[in-house]
């Protein structure tokens, strides 16, 4: 044990019946706020129960001493050099403007998650953790990304998303003639999915017939939801390399989809907050060519 750095410790409460550690352990450590994060730590061998390495098969009976160890690989991980635009920051959360062509998180080195420590101030609160994105934007999508800076903030923000208490607005440029507004309710992977849209303006296009500046309001959070929904009504997003109509694929310009607004009640100040970021200049060039 002398060569291991213990980050946190917990004494299990007395239980009426045994429970798996992967169930019991959610929330017992300040730096692990979700079940998925707990499972990752178990798979890495970073959790000890009575000085023995635990696994997803470990049961807790009560009174055990549970240690969370520091991840040396993460500690010694090379830092990524990526400058991010910080829109807002306090001790609980931050908002950054995600650039295109980078993953929010994942098993690769170049991610937004790996770049946060170099761009965001560490919280001064007792439950401060490494800043963590609390939702996702697709690899080619730009715009506002919400970051949690404390264990309690990450939990609270996740609950806001789960309860649809955060209003997200996107802007996109779509291809083809569209109705002025509408609601798309086509399921995604058999799961309920709802997206609302408003067309703000349209221009005639020689190649694409029509191009539309559209506001989008996802009511659910399925993978690629907006891209798949617009494709399903034959109005794909300009520049989409995955969901496109034959002969209408635009290459080399990126995806014209931008997360432009987040609106919610701050879970710790109880104040209504609205964050906005204009889309990249390439959007304007289509409707206001020089």
C-alpha atoms as a PDB file:
ATOM      1  CA  UNK A   1       0.000   0.000   0.000  1.00  0.00           C
ATOM      2  CA  UNK A   2       2.933   2.365   0.571  1.00  0.00           C
ATOM      3  CA  UNK A   3       3.561   2.885  -3.175  1.00  0.00           C
ATOM      4  CA  UNK A   4      -0.078   3.607  -3.925  1.00  0.00           C
ATOM      5  CA  UNK A   5      -1.599   7.046  -3.637  1.00  0.00           C
ATOM      6  CA  UNK A   6      -5.070   6.921  -2.097  1.00  0.00           C
ATOM      7  CA  UNK A   7      -7.290   9.744  -3.328  1.00  0.00           C
ATOM      8  CA  UNK A   8     -10.370   9.023  -1.222  1.00  0.00           C
ATOM      9  CA  UNK A   9     -11.576   6.504   1.335  1.00  0.00           C
ATOM     10  CA  UNK A  10     -15.021   5.357   2.457  1.00  0.00           C
ATOM     11  CA  UNK A  11     -16.298   3.049   5.216  1.00  0.00           C
ATOM     12  CA  UNK A  12     -19.320   1.100   4.012  1.00  0.00           C
ATOM     13  CA  UNK A  13     -22.482   1.451   6.036  1.00  0.00           C
ATOM     14  CA  UNK A  14     -24.173  -1.581   7.593  1.00  0.00           C
ATOM     15  CA  UNK A  15     -26.431  -3.201   5.015  1.00  0.00           C
ATOM     16  CA  UNK A  16     -29.481  -5.435   5.368  1.00  0.00           C
ATOM     17  CA  UNK A  17     -28.360  -7.474   2.373  1.00  0.00           C
ATOM     18  CA  UNK A  18     -25.271  -7.462   0.127  1.00  0.00           C
ATOM     19  CA  UNK A  19     -25.136  -5.155  -2.892  1.00  0.00           C
ATOM     20  CA  UNK A  20     -22.711  -5.014  -5.791  1.00  0.00           C
ATOM     21  CA  UNK A  21     -20.010  -2.399  -5.412  1.00  0.00           C
ATOM     22  CA  UNK A  22     -20.861  -0.971  -8.844  1.00  0.00           C
ATOM     23  CA  UNK A  23     -24.309  -0.132  -7.420  1.00  0.00           C
ATOM     24  CA  UNK A  24     -23.294   0.850  -3.884  1.00  0.00           C
ATOM     25  CA  UNK A  25     -20.313   2.932  -4.965  1.00  0.00           C
ATOM     26  CA  UNK A  26     -22.122   5.573  -7.033  1.00  0.00           C
ATOM     27  CA  UNK A  27     -21.664   8.863  -5.195  1.00  0.00           C
ATOM     28  CA  UNK A  28     -19.427   7.660  -2.344  1.00  0.00           C
ATOM     29  CA  UNK A  29     -16.373   9.368  -3.893  1.00  0.00           C
ATOM     30  CA  UNK A  30     -16.333  13.069  -4.734  1.00  0.00           C
ATOM     31  CA  UNK A  31     -14.304  12.481  -7.889  1.00  0.00           C
ATOM     32  CA  UNK A  32     -16.567   9.734  -9.279  1.00  0.00           C
ATOM     33  CA  UNK A  33     -20.054  11.040  -9.886  1.00  0.00           C
ATOM     34  CA  UNK A  34     -21.572   8.518 -12.309  1.00  0.00           C
ATOM     35  CA  UNK A  35     -22.034   4.766 -12.584  1.00  0.00           C
ATOM     36  CA  UNK A  36     -20.064   4.641 -15.841  1.00  0.00           C
ATOM     37  CA  UNK A  37     -17.111   6.440 -14.228  1.00  0.00           C
ATOM     38  CA  UNK A  38     -17.219   3.988 -11.316  1.00  0.00           C
ATOM     39  CA  UNK A  39     -17.136   1.022 -13.711  1.00  0.00           C
ATOM     40  CA  UNK A  40     -14.121   2.499 -15.517  1.00  0.00           C
ATOM     41  CA  UNK A  41     -12.259   2.847 -12.219  1.00  0.00           C
ATOM     42  CA  UNK A  42     -13.117  -0.749 -11.319  1.00  0.00           C
ATOM     43  CA  UNK A  43     -11.860  -2.023 -14.670  1.00  0.00           C
ATOM     44  CA  UNK A  44      -8.600  -0.099 -14.175  1.00  0.00           C
ATOM     45  CA  UNK A  45      -8.115  -1.705 -10.756  1.00  0.00           C
ATOM     46  CA  UNK A  46      -8.275   1.647  -8.989  1.00  0.00           C
ATOM     47  CA  UNK A  47     -10.693   0.614  -6.227  1.00  0.00           C
ATOM     48  CA  UNK A  48      -9.698  -1.490  -3.226  1.00  0.00           C
ATOM     49  CA  UNK A  49     -12.051  -3.180  -0.788  1.00  0.00           C
ATOM     50  CA  UNK A  50     -10.269  -4.139   2.452  1.00  0.00           C
ATOM     51  CA  UNK A  51      -6.969  -3.707   0.579  1.00  0.00           C
ATOM     52  CA  UNK A  52      -7.984  -6.111  -2.201  1.00  0.00           C
ATOM     53  CA  UNK A  53      -8.497  -4.952  -5.795  1.00  0.00           C
ATOM     54  CA  UNK A  54     -12.230  -4.833  -6.466  1.00  0.00           C
ATOM     55  CA  UNK A  55     -14.114  -5.679  -9.658  1.00  0.00           C
ATOM     56  CA  UNK A  56     -17.639  -5.372 -11.028  1.00  0.00           C
ATOM     57  CA  UNK A  57     -18.358  -8.723  -9.322  1.00  0.00           C
ATOM     58  CA  UNK A  58     -17.407  -7.474  -5.838  1.00  0.00           C
ATOM     59  CA  UNK A  59     -20.213  -7.347  -3.273  1.00  0.00           C
ATOM     60  CA  UNK A  60     -20.413  -4.977  -0.307  1.00  0.00           C
ATOM     61  CA  UNK A  61     -21.800  -6.468   2.913  1.00  0.00           C
ATOM     62  CA  UNK A  62     -21.167  -3.511   5.234  1.00  0.00           C
ATOM     63  CA  UNK A  63     -18.297  -2.006   7.262  1.00  0.00           C
ATOM     64  CA  UNK A  64     -15.704  -2.595   4.490  1.00  0.00           C
ATOM     65  CA  UNK A  65     -12.998   0.008   3.894  1.00  0.00           C
ATOM     66  CA  UNK A  66     -13.107   1.183   0.281  1.00  0.00           C
ATOM     67  CA  UNK A  67     -10.194   3.116  -1.217  1.00  0.00           C
ATOM     68  CA  UNK A  68     -10.018   4.991  -4.519  1.00  0.00           C
ATOM     69  CA  UNK A  69      -6.484   5.067  -5.938  1.00  0.00           C
ATOM     70  CA  UNK A  70      -4.914   7.684  -8.170  1.00  0.00           C
ATOM     71  CA  UNK A  71      -4.659   6.755 -11.848  1.00  0.00           C
ATOM     72  CA  UNK A  72      -0.928   7.098 -12.563  1.00  0.00           C
ATOM     73  CA  UNK A  73      -1.503   6.807 -16.313  1.00  0.00           C
ATOM     74  CA  UNK A  74      -3.895   9.738 -16.248  1.00  0.00           C
ATOM     75  CA  UNK A  75      -1.623  11.695 -13.922  1.00  0.00           C
ATOM     76  CA  UNK A  76       1.370  11.311 -16.219  1.00  0.00           C
ATOM     77  CA  UNK A  77      -0.611  11.773 -19.420  1.00  0.00           C
ATOM     78  CA  UNK A  78       0.917  14.209 -21.848  1.00  0.00           C
ATOM     79  CA  UNK A  79      -0.980  17.487 -21.831  1.00  0.00           C
ATOM     80  CA  UNK A  80      -2.687  18.560 -25.033  1.00  0.00           C
ATOM     81  CA  UNK A  81      -1.899  21.988 -26.438  1.00  0.00           C
ATOM     82  CA  UNK A  82      -5.311  23.258 -27.527  1.00  0.00           C
ATOM     83  CA  UNK A  83      -6.580  26.776 -26.871  1.00  0.00           C
ATOM     84  CA  UNK A  84     -10.312  26.898 -26.205  1.00  0.00           C
ATOM     85  CA  UNK A  85     -12.605  29.918 -26.127  1.00  0.00           C
ATOM     86  CA  UNK A  86     -14.172  30.148 -22.654  1.00  0.00           C
ATOM     87  CA  UNK A  87     -17.575  31.851 -22.827  1.00  0.00           C
ATOM     88  CA  UNK A  88     -18.341  31.777 -19.095  1.00  0.00           C
ATOM     89  CA  UNK A  89     -16.821  30.385 -15.923  1.00  0.00           C
ATOM     90  CA  UNK A  90     -17.537  30.286 -12.197  1.00  0.00           C
ATOM     91  CA  UNK A  91     -16.616  27.898  -9.373  1.00  0.00           C
ATOM     92  CA  UNK A  92     -19.295  25.396 -10.419  1.00  0.00           C
ATOM     93  CA  UNK A  93     -19.359  25.280 -14.188  1.00  0.00           C
ATOM     94  CA  UNK A  94     -17.961  26.660 -17.404  1.00  0.00           C
ATOM     95  CA  UNK A  95     -19.131  27.120 -20.990  1.00  0.00           C
ATOM     96  CA  UNK A  96     -16.680  26.721 -23.843  1.00  0.00           C
ATOM     97  CA  UNK A  97     -17.024  27.154 -27.596  1.00  0.00           C
ATOM     98  CA  UNK A  98     -16.152  23.808 -29.149  1.00  0.00           C
ATOM     99  CA  UNK A  99     -14.161  24.026 -32.383  1.00  0.00           C
ATOM    100  CA  UNK A 100     -14.925  21.672 -35.297  1.00  0.00           C
ATOM    101  CA  UNK A 101     -13.029  18.483 -35.966  1.00  0.00           C
ATOM    102  CA  UNK A 102     -12.369  17.358 -32.408  1.00  0.00           C
ATOM    103  CA  UNK A 103     -14.043  14.799 -30.155  1.00  0.00           C
ATOM    104  CA  UNK A 104     -15.552  15.930 -26.854  1.00  0.00           C
ATOM    105  CA  UNK A 105     -14.170  12.821 -25.118  1.00  0.00           C
ATOM    106  CA  UNK A 106     -13.097   9.298 -25.934  1.00  0.00           C
ATOM    107  CA  UNK A 107     -10.163   6.931 -26.141  1.00  0.00           C
ATOM    108  CA  UNK A 108      -7.990   9.295 -28.171  1.00  0.00           C
ATOM    109  CA  UNK A 109      -5.504  11.892 -26.981  1.00  0.00           C
ATOM    110  CA  UNK A 110      -6.885  14.939 -28.767  1.00  0.00           C
ATOM    111  CA  UNK A 111     -10.218  15.607 -27.054  1.00  0.00           C
ATOM    112  CA  UNK A 112     -11.943  18.577 -25.472  1.00  0.00           C
ATOM    113  CA  UNK A 113     -11.944  16.717 -22.148  1.00  0.00           C
ATOM    114  CA  UNK A 114      -8.146  16.409 -22.183  1.00  0.00           C
ATOM    115  CA  UNK A 115      -7.730  20.099 -23.008  1.00  0.00           C
ATOM    116  CA  UNK A 116      -9.961  21.499 -20.264  1.00  0.00           C
ATOM    117  CA  UNK A 117      -7.394  21.646 -17.456  1.00  0.00           C
ATOM    118  CA  UNK A 118      -5.227  24.000 -19.547  1.00  0.00           C
ATOM    119  CA  UNK A 119      -8.142  26.315 -20.352  1.00  0.00           C
ATOM    120  CA  UNK A 120     -10.305  26.412 -17.219  1.00  0.00           C
ATOM    121  CA  UNK A 121      -9.460  27.508 -13.675  1.00  0.00           C
ATOM    122  CA  UNK A 122      -9.744  24.818 -11.025  1.00  0.00           C
ATOM    123  CA  UNK A 123     -12.681  25.344  -8.698  1.00  0.00           C
ATOM    124  CA  UNK A 124     -11.879  26.550  -5.167  1.00  0.00           C
ATOM    125  CA  UNK A 125     -14.728  24.479  -3.701  1.00  0.00           C
ATOM    126  CA  UNK A 126     -14.071  21.384  -1.520  1.00  0.00           C
ATOM    127  CA  UNK A 127     -15.499  18.943  -4.083  1.00  0.00           C
ATOM    128  CA  UNK A 128     -13.507  20.330  -7.011  1.00  0.00           C
ATOM    129  CA  UNK A 129     -12.710  17.742  -9.686  1.00  0.00           C
ATOM    130  CA  UNK A 130     -11.009  17.719 -13.051  1.00  0.00           C
ATOM    131  CA  UNK A 131     -13.366  19.720 -15.337  1.00  0.00           C
ATOM    132  CA  UNK A 132     -15.644  17.396 -17.284  1.00  0.00           C
ATOM    133  CA  UNK A 133     -18.091  17.879 -20.192  1.00  0.00           C
ATOM    134  CA  UNK A 134     -21.622  16.971 -19.112  1.00  0.00           C
ATOM    135  CA  UNK A 135     -23.013  16.448 -22.618  1.00  0.00           C
ATOM    136  CA  UNK A 136     -21.692  15.821 -26.108  1.00  0.00           C
ATOM    137  CA  UNK A 137     -21.404  17.538 -29.452  1.00  0.00           C
ATOM    138  CA  UNK A 138     -20.547  15.582 -32.580  1.00  0.00           C
ATOM    139  CA  UNK A 139     -16.993  15.612 -33.923  1.00  0.00           C
ATOM    140  CA  UNK A 140     -17.769  18.097 -36.751  1.00  0.00           C
ATOM    141  CA  UNK A 141     -20.221  20.252 -34.759  1.00  0.00           C
ATOM    142  CA  UNK A 142     -19.234  23.625 -33.304  1.00  0.00           C
ATOM    143  CA  UNK A 143     -20.709  25.582 -30.422  1.00  0.00           C
ATOM    144  CA  UNK A 144     -21.514  25.771 -26.745  1.00  0.00           C
ATOM    145  CA  UNK A 145     -20.439  22.930 -24.489  1.00  0.00           C
ATOM    146  CA  UNK A 146     -21.316  22.805 -20.774  1.00  0.00           C
ATOM    147  CA  UNK A 147     -18.562  21.792 -18.346  1.00  0.00           C
ATOM    148  CA  UNK A 148     -18.862  20.716 -14.711  1.00  0.00           C
ATOM    149  CA  UNK A 149     -16.078  21.735 -12.297  1.00  0.00           C
ATOM    150  CA  UNK A 150     -17.186  20.040  -9.056  1.00  0.00           C
ATOM    151  CA  UNK A 151     -18.626  16.653  -8.190  1.00  0.00           C
ATOM    152  CA  UNK A 152     -21.932  18.159  -7.043  1.00  0.00           C
ATOM    153  CA  UNK A 153     -22.143  20.356 -10.134  1.00  0.00           C
ATOM    154  CA  UNK A 154     -21.630  17.450 -12.515  1.00  0.00           C
ATOM    155  CA  UNK A 155     -24.399  15.512 -10.759  1.00  0.00           C
ATOM    156  CA  UNK A 156     -26.767  18.519 -10.764  1.00  0.00           C
ATOM    157  CA  UNK A 157     -26.150  19.367 -14.428  1.00  0.00           C
ATOM    158  CA  UNK A 158     -26.670  15.754 -15.471  1.00  0.00           C
ATOM    159  CA  UNK A 159     -30.023  15.809 -13.676  1.00  0.00           C
ATOM    160  CA  UNK A 160     -31.017  18.989 -15.506  1.00  0.00           C
ATOM    161  CA  UNK A 161     -30.321  17.265 -18.818  1.00  0.00           C
ATOM    162  CA  UNK A 162     -32.152  14.097 -17.753  1.00  0.00           C
ATOM    163  CA  UNK A 163     -35.214  16.149 -16.763  1.00  0.00           C
ATOM    164  CA  UNK A 164     -35.131  18.301 -19.928  1.00  0.00           C
ATOM    165  CA  UNK A 165     -34.490  21.439 -17.878  1.00  0.00           C
ATOM    166  CA  UNK A 166     -31.818  22.759 -20.255  1.00  0.00           C
ATOM    167  CA  UNK A 167     -33.028  24.388 -23.455  1.00  0.00           C
ATOM    168  CA  UNK A 168     -30.601  23.858 -26.318  1.00  0.00           C
ATOM    169  CA  UNK A 169     -30.776  25.760 -29.589  1.00  0.00           C
ATOM    170  CA  UNK A 170     -28.772  24.933 -32.672  1.00  0.00           C
ATOM    171  CA  UNK A 171     -28.480  26.674 -35.998  1.00  0.00           C
ATOM    172  CA  UNK A 172     -27.873  24.828 -39.240  1.00  0.00           C
ATOM    173  CA  UNK A 173     -27.880  25.339 -42.969  1.00  0.00           C
ATOM    174  CA  UNK A 174     -29.999  22.714 -44.662  1.00  0.00           C
ATOM    175  CA  UNK A 175     -30.512  21.651 -48.256  1.00  0.00           C
ATOM    176  CA  UNK A 176     -33.795  21.726 -50.186  1.00  0.00           C
ATOM    177  CA  UNK A 177     -37.163  23.405 -49.860  1.00  0.00           C
ATOM    178  CA  UNK A 178     -38.610  23.234 -46.338  1.00  0.00           C
ATOM    179  CA  UNK A 179     -41.795  24.083 -44.511  1.00  0.00           C
ATOM    180  CA  UNK A 180     -41.564  27.265 -42.435  1.00  0.00           C
ATOM    181  CA  UNK A 181     -41.588  25.213 -39.218  1.00  0.00           C
ATOM    182  CA  UNK A 182     -42.200  21.696 -38.049  1.00  0.00           C
ATOM    183  CA  UNK A 183     -41.663  18.880 -35.580  1.00  0.00           C
ATOM    184  CA  UNK A 184     -39.870  15.648 -36.433  1.00  0.00           C
ATOM    185  CA  UNK A 185     -40.737  12.624 -34.277  1.00  0.00           C
ATOM    186  CA  UNK A 186     -39.047   9.770 -36.124  1.00  0.00           C
ATOM    187  CA  UNK A 187     -37.564   7.280 -33.591  1.00  0.00           C
ATOM    188  CA  UNK A 188     -33.797   6.771 -33.537  1.00  0.00           C
ATOM    189  CA  UNK A 189     -32.597   3.227 -32.834  1.00  0.00           C
ATOM    190  CA  UNK A 190     -36.162   2.389 -31.717  1.00  0.00           C
ATOM    191  CA  UNK A 191     -36.052   5.157 -29.090  1.00  0.00           C
ATOM    192  CA  UNK A 192     -38.355   8.165 -28.987  1.00  0.00           C
ATOM    193  CA  UNK A 193     -36.780  11.266 -30.547  1.00  0.00           C
ATOM    194  CA  UNK A 194     -38.263  14.710 -31.127  1.00  0.00           C
ATOM    195  CA  UNK A 195     -36.791  17.752 -32.869  1.00  0.00           C
ATOM    196  CA  UNK A 196     -38.444  21.094 -33.618  1.00  0.00           C
ATOM    197  CA  UNK A 197     -37.292  23.508 -36.296  1.00  0.00           C
ATOM    198  CA  UNK A 198     -37.945  27.011 -37.619  1.00  0.00           C
ATOM    199  CA  UNK A 199     -36.702  28.238 -41.003  1.00  0.00           C
ATOM    200  CA  UNK A 200     -35.488  31.838 -40.633  1.00  0.00           C
ATOM    201  CA  UNK A 201     -34.502  32.474 -44.241  1.00  0.00           C
ATOM    202  CA  UNK A 202     -33.837  30.680 -47.509  1.00  0.00           C
ATOM    203  CA  UNK A 203     -31.821  31.421 -50.639  1.00  0.00           C
ATOM    204  CA  UNK A 204     -31.948  29.900 -54.094  1.00  0.00           C
ATOM    205  CA  UNK A 205     -28.912  27.769 -54.913  1.00  0.00           C
ATOM    206  CA  UNK A 206     -27.799  26.604 -58.352  1.00  0.00           C
ATOM    207  CA  UNK A 207     -26.402  23.343 -57.017  1.00  0.00           C
ATOM    208  CA  UNK A 208     -28.684  22.659 -54.028  1.00  0.00           C
ATOM    209  CA  UNK A 209     -31.942  24.317 -55.259  1.00  0.00           C
ATOM    210  CA  UNK A 210     -32.514  25.900 -51.841  1.00  0.00           C
ATOM    211  CA  UNK A 211     -30.349  26.527 -48.795  1.00  0.00           C
ATOM    212  CA  UNK A 212     -32.037  27.352 -45.489  1.00  0.00           C
ATOM    213  CA  UNK A 213     -30.910  29.016 -42.273  1.00  0.00           C
ATOM    214  CA  UNK A 214     -32.686  26.921 -39.632  1.00  0.00           C
ATOM    215  CA  UNK A 215     -33.059  27.079 -35.850  1.00  0.00           C
ATOM    216  CA  UNK A 216     -33.255  23.633 -34.249  1.00  0.00           C
ATOM    217  CA  UNK A 217     -34.558  22.622 -30.835  1.00  0.00           C
ATOM    218  CA  UNK A 218     -33.874  18.987 -29.862  1.00  0.00           C
ATOM    219  CA  UNK A 219     -36.370  17.761 -27.280  1.00  0.00           C
ATOM    220  CA  UNK A 220     -34.456  14.527 -26.745  1.00  0.00           C
ATOM    221  CA  UNK A 221     -30.757  13.710 -26.884  1.00  0.00           C
ATOM    222  CA  UNK A 222     -30.188  10.799 -29.264  1.00  0.00           C
ATOM    223  CA  UNK A 223     -26.905  10.276 -31.090  1.00  0.00           C
ATOM    224  CA  UNK A 224     -26.739  12.364 -34.298  1.00  0.00           C
ATOM    225  CA  UNK A 225     -30.394  13.266 -33.677  1.00  0.00           C
ATOM    226  CA  UNK A 226     -30.598  16.551 -35.558  1.00  0.00           C
ATOM    227  CA  UNK A 227     -28.514  15.289 -38.460  1.00  0.00           C
ATOM    228  CA  UNK A 228     -30.556  12.111 -38.798  1.00  0.00           C
ATOM    229  CA  UNK A 229     -33.900  13.867 -38.379  1.00  0.00           C
ATOM    230  CA  UNK A 230     -33.204  16.446 -41.066  1.00  0.00           C
ATOM    231  CA  UNK A 231     -31.909  13.767 -43.402  1.00  0.00           C
ATOM    232  CA  UNK A 232     -35.109  11.782 -42.785  1.00  0.00           C
ATOM    233  CA  UNK A 233     -37.228  14.620 -44.235  1.00  0.00           C
ATOM    234  CA  UNK A 234     -34.872  15.040 -47.222  1.00  0.00           C
ATOM    235  CA  UNK A 235     -33.359  18.259 -45.875  1.00  0.00           C
ATOM    236  CA  UNK A 236     -29.872  17.153 -44.772  1.00  0.00           C
ATOM    237  CA  UNK A 237     -27.444  19.570 -43.177  1.00  0.00           C
ATOM    238  CA  UNK A 238     -24.986  21.099 -45.593  1.00  0.00           C
ATOM    239  CA  UNK A 239     -21.553  19.489 -45.368  1.00  0.00           C
ATOM    240  CA  UNK A 240     -22.715  16.331 -43.598  1.00  0.00           C
ATOM    241  CA  UNK A 241     -20.420  13.495 -44.699  1.00  0.00           C
ATOM    242  CA  UNK A 242     -22.597  10.770 -43.152  1.00  0.00           C
ATOM    243  CA  UNK A 243     -26.213  11.752 -43.780  1.00  0.00           C
ATOM    244  CA  UNK A 244     -26.450  13.171 -47.300  1.00  0.00           C
ATOM    245  CA  UNK A 245     -28.428  12.884 -50.516  1.00  0.00           C
ATOM    246  CA  UNK A 246     -26.736  11.511 -53.613  1.00  0.00           C
ATOM    247  CA  UNK A 247     -24.981  14.234 -55.670  1.00  0.00           C
ATOM    248  CA  UNK A 248     -25.595  16.826 -52.911  1.00  0.00           C
ATOM    249  CA  UNK A 249     -22.495  16.130 -50.817  1.00  0.00           C
ATOM    250  CA  UNK A 250     -20.391  19.207 -50.028  1.00  0.00           C
ATOM    251  CA  UNK A 251     -16.779  18.351 -49.220  1.00  0.00           C
ATOM    252  CA  UNK A 252     -14.037  20.381 -47.614  1.00  0.00           C
ATOM    253  CA  UNK A 253     -16.200  22.969 -45.842  1.00  0.00           C
ATOM    254  CA  UNK A 254     -17.129  21.104 -42.665  1.00  0.00           C
ATOM    255  CA  UNK A 255     -20.574  20.565 -41.171  1.00  0.00           C
ATOM    256  CA  UNK A 256     -22.924  23.556 -41.021  1.00  0.00           C
ATOM    257  CA  UNK A 257     -24.307  22.756 -37.570  1.00  0.00           C
ATOM    258  CA  UNK A 258     -23.653  24.951 -34.544  1.00  0.00           C
ATOM    259  CA  UNK A 259     -24.833  24.759 -30.916  1.00  0.00           C
ATOM    260  CA  UNK A 260     -25.752  28.418 -30.484  1.00  0.00           C
ATOM    261  CA  UNK A 261     -27.607  28.699 -27.170  1.00  0.00           C
ATOM    262  CA  UNK A 262     -27.956  27.104 -23.729  1.00  0.00           C
ATOM    263  CA  UNK A 263     -30.616  28.236 -21.277  1.00  0.00           C
ATOM    264  CA  UNK A 264     -31.225  26.872 -17.769  1.00  0.00           C
ATOM    265  CA  UNK A 265     -31.569  27.684 -14.084  1.00  0.00           C
ATOM    266  CA  UNK A 266     -28.116  27.692 -12.500  1.00  0.00           C
ATOM    267  CA  UNK A 267     -28.347  24.816  -9.976  1.00  0.00           C
ATOM    268  CA  UNK A 268     -26.352  26.675  -7.301  1.00  0.00           C
ATOM    269  CA  UNK A 269     -27.279  30.343  -7.731  1.00  0.00           C
ATOM    270  CA  UNK A 270     -30.896  29.620  -8.775  1.00  0.00           C
ATOM    271  CA  UNK A 271     -30.606  32.355 -11.410  1.00  0.00           C
ATOM    272  CA  UNK A 272     -31.777  31.906 -14.987  1.00  0.00           C
ATOM    273  CA  UNK A 273     -28.780  31.958 -17.316  1.00  0.00           C
ATOM    274  CA  UNK A 274     -28.640  32.202 -21.102  1.00  0.00           C
ATOM    275  CA  UNK A 275     -25.422  31.667 -23.032  1.00  0.00           C
ATOM    276  CA  UNK A 276     -25.187  32.404 -26.739  1.00  0.00           C
ATOM    277  CA  UNK A 277     -22.516  32.133 -29.414  1.00  0.00           C
ATOM    278  CA  UNK A 278     -22.846  33.164 -33.037  1.00  0.00           C
ATOM    279  CA  UNK A 279     -22.052  30.481 -35.623  1.00  0.00           C
ATOM    280  CA  UNK A 280     -18.804  30.524 -37.623  1.00  0.00           C
ATOM    281  CA  UNK A 281     -18.463  33.131 -40.371  1.00  0.00           C
ATOM    282  CA  UNK A 282     -18.942  30.487 -43.057  1.00  0.00           C
ATOM    283  CA  UNK A 283     -22.677  30.505 -42.226  1.00  0.00           C
ATOM    284  CA  UNK A 284     -23.005  34.207 -43.001  1.00  0.00           C
ATOM    285  CA  UNK A 285     -21.047  33.964 -46.238  1.00  0.00           C
ATOM    286  CA  UNK A 286     -23.749  31.808 -47.799  1.00  0.00           C
ATOM    287  CA  UNK A 287     -26.509  34.322 -47.086  1.00  0.00           C
ATOM    288  CA  UNK A 288     -24.449  37.495 -47.328  1.00  0.00           C
ATOM    289  CA  UNK A 289     -21.811  36.822 -50.007  1.00  0.00           C
ATOM    290  CA  UNK A 290     -19.241  39.558 -50.556  1.00  0.00           C
END
